[in-house]
N, C-alpha and C. Protein backbone atom coordinates (compact mmCIF):
# COMPACT_ATOMS: atom_id res chain seq x y z
N MET A 1 -16.29 17.00 14.02
CA MET A 1 -15.03 17.66 13.76
C MET A 1 -13.93 16.60 13.76
N ASP A 2 -13.22 16.50 12.67
CA ASP A 2 -12.14 15.51 12.55
C ASP A 2 -10.80 16.19 12.80
N VAL A 3 -10.12 15.75 13.86
CA VAL A 3 -8.81 16.29 14.21
C VAL A 3 -7.80 15.16 14.02
N PRO A 4 -6.71 15.42 13.29
CA PRO A 4 -5.70 14.37 13.13
C PRO A 4 -5.09 13.99 14.48
N LEU A 5 -4.75 12.71 14.62
CA LEU A 5 -4.19 12.22 15.87
C LEU A 5 -2.91 12.94 16.23
N TRP A 6 -2.04 13.17 15.25
CA TRP A 6 -0.77 13.83 15.54
C TRP A 6 -0.99 15.24 16.08
N PHE A 7 -2.03 15.93 15.60
CA PHE A 7 -2.31 17.28 16.08
C PHE A 7 -2.86 17.26 17.50
N ALA A 8 -3.72 16.30 17.80
CA ALA A 8 -4.26 16.18 19.15
C ALA A 8 -3.15 15.84 20.14
N LEU A 9 -2.26 14.93 19.78
CA LEU A 9 -1.14 14.57 20.65
C LEU A 9 -0.19 15.74 20.84
N LEU A 10 0.03 16.50 19.79
CA LEU A 10 0.89 17.68 19.90
C LEU A 10 0.30 18.70 20.87
N CYS A 11 -1.00 18.94 20.77
CA CYS A 11 -1.66 19.90 21.67
C CYS A 11 -1.60 19.43 23.12
N VAL A 12 -1.87 18.15 23.35
CA VAL A 12 -1.80 17.61 24.71
C VAL A 12 -0.37 17.69 25.24
N GLY A 13 0.60 17.40 24.40
CA GLY A 13 2.00 17.48 24.82
C GLY A 13 2.43 18.88 25.18
N VAL A 14 2.04 19.85 24.36
CA VAL A 14 2.40 21.24 24.63
C VAL A 14 1.75 21.72 25.93
N LEU A 15 0.48 21.40 26.11
CA LEU A 15 -0.20 21.79 27.35
C LEU A 15 0.43 21.10 28.57
N GLY A 16 0.79 19.84 28.42
CA GLY A 16 1.42 19.13 29.53
C GLY A 16 2.76 19.73 29.91
N VAL A 17 3.56 20.11 28.93
CA VAL A 17 4.87 20.71 29.21
C VAL A 17 4.68 22.08 29.86
N LYS A 18 3.71 22.85 29.39
CA LYS A 18 3.49 24.18 29.97
C LYS A 18 2.93 24.11 31.39
N LEU A 19 2.03 23.16 31.65
CA LEU A 19 1.39 23.10 32.96
C LEU A 19 2.20 22.35 34.00
N ILE A 20 2.80 21.22 33.62
CA ILE A 20 3.50 20.37 34.59
C ILE A 20 4.97 20.75 34.72
N ARG A 21 5.57 21.27 33.65
CA ARG A 21 6.98 21.69 33.62
C ARG A 21 7.97 20.58 33.99
N PRO A 22 7.89 19.42 33.26
CA PRO A 22 8.87 18.36 33.55
C PRO A 22 10.24 18.74 32.98
N PRO A 23 11.31 18.14 33.50
CA PRO A 23 12.64 18.42 32.94
C PRO A 23 12.74 17.93 31.49
N TRP A 24 13.55 18.60 30.70
CA TRP A 24 13.67 18.27 29.27
C TRP A 24 14.25 16.89 29.05
N TRP A 25 15.12 16.42 29.96
CA TRP A 25 15.68 15.09 29.79
C TRP A 25 14.60 14.02 29.94
N LEU A 26 13.61 14.26 30.81
CA LEU A 26 12.53 13.31 30.99
C LEU A 26 11.65 13.23 29.74
N ILE A 27 11.41 14.36 29.12
CA ILE A 27 10.65 14.38 27.87
C ILE A 27 11.39 13.60 26.80
N GLY A 28 12.69 13.81 26.71
CA GLY A 28 13.50 13.09 25.73
C GLY A 28 13.51 11.58 25.96
N VAL A 29 13.62 11.19 27.22
CA VAL A 29 13.62 9.75 27.55
C VAL A 29 12.28 9.12 27.20
N LEU A 30 11.17 9.80 27.51
CA LEU A 30 9.85 9.26 27.18
C LEU A 30 9.64 9.14 25.68
N LEU A 31 10.06 10.16 24.93
CA LEU A 31 9.92 10.10 23.48
C LEU A 31 10.78 9.01 22.87
N LEU A 32 12.03 8.92 23.29
CA LEU A 32 12.93 7.90 22.76
C LEU A 32 12.47 6.51 23.17
N GLY A 33 12.03 6.35 24.41
CA GLY A 33 11.53 5.06 24.87
C GLY A 33 10.30 4.61 24.10
N GLY A 34 9.38 5.53 23.85
CA GLY A 34 8.19 5.19 23.07
C GLY A 34 8.53 4.81 21.65
N PHE A 35 9.48 5.53 21.06
CA PHE A 35 9.91 5.22 19.70
C PHE A 35 10.55 3.84 19.63
N LEU A 36 11.40 3.53 20.61
CA LEU A 36 12.07 2.23 20.61
C LEU A 36 11.10 1.09 20.91
N LEU A 37 10.13 1.31 21.80
CA LEU A 37 9.15 0.27 22.10
C LEU A 37 8.24 -0.01 20.91
N ALA A 38 7.94 1.01 20.13
CA ALA A 38 7.05 0.83 18.98
C ALA A 38 7.69 -0.05 17.92
N ASP A 39 9.01 -0.14 17.91
CA ASP A 39 9.71 -0.92 16.90
C ASP A 39 10.31 -2.20 17.48
N SER A 40 9.88 -2.59 18.69
CA SER A 40 10.46 -3.76 19.34
C SER A 40 9.55 -4.97 19.18
N VAL A 41 10.01 -6.09 19.75
CA VAL A 41 9.20 -7.31 19.71
C VAL A 41 8.00 -7.21 20.65
N LEU A 42 8.00 -6.23 21.54
CA LEU A 42 6.89 -6.05 22.47
C LEU A 42 5.72 -5.29 21.86
N ALA A 43 5.92 -4.73 20.67
CA ALA A 43 4.89 -3.90 20.04
C ALA A 43 3.56 -4.63 19.86
N PRO A 44 3.53 -5.88 19.37
CA PRO A 44 2.23 -6.57 19.25
C PRO A 44 1.54 -6.79 20.59
N ALA A 45 2.31 -7.08 21.64
CA ALA A 45 1.70 -7.26 22.96
C ALA A 45 1.13 -5.96 23.49
N ILE A 46 1.83 -4.87 23.28
CA ILE A 46 1.36 -3.56 23.73
C ILE A 46 0.11 -3.19 22.94
N ASP A 47 0.12 -3.46 21.64
CA ASP A 47 -1.03 -3.14 20.80
C ASP A 47 -2.27 -3.92 21.24
N THR A 48 -2.08 -5.18 21.57
CA THR A 48 -3.18 -6.01 22.05
C THR A 48 -3.71 -5.51 23.39
N ALA A 49 -2.82 -5.10 24.27
CA ALA A 49 -3.22 -4.63 25.60
C ALA A 49 -3.97 -3.30 25.50
N ILE A 50 -3.59 -2.46 24.58
CA ILE A 50 -4.25 -1.16 24.43
C ILE A 50 -5.64 -1.32 23.85
N LYS A 51 -5.78 -2.24 22.89
CA LYS A 51 -7.10 -2.44 22.27
C LYS A 51 -7.90 -3.32 23.16
């Protein structure tokens, strides 16, 4: 079964928000921080560390 990555992440995110109930500002900070890190000079180092 092939599930797109964006769909799997969306499902995990929705379940996490429903079960853990973090504040909305924390969700926004994590999303914005991830977006900014993905476009920074640290992106190749993070990519290497993940793989």
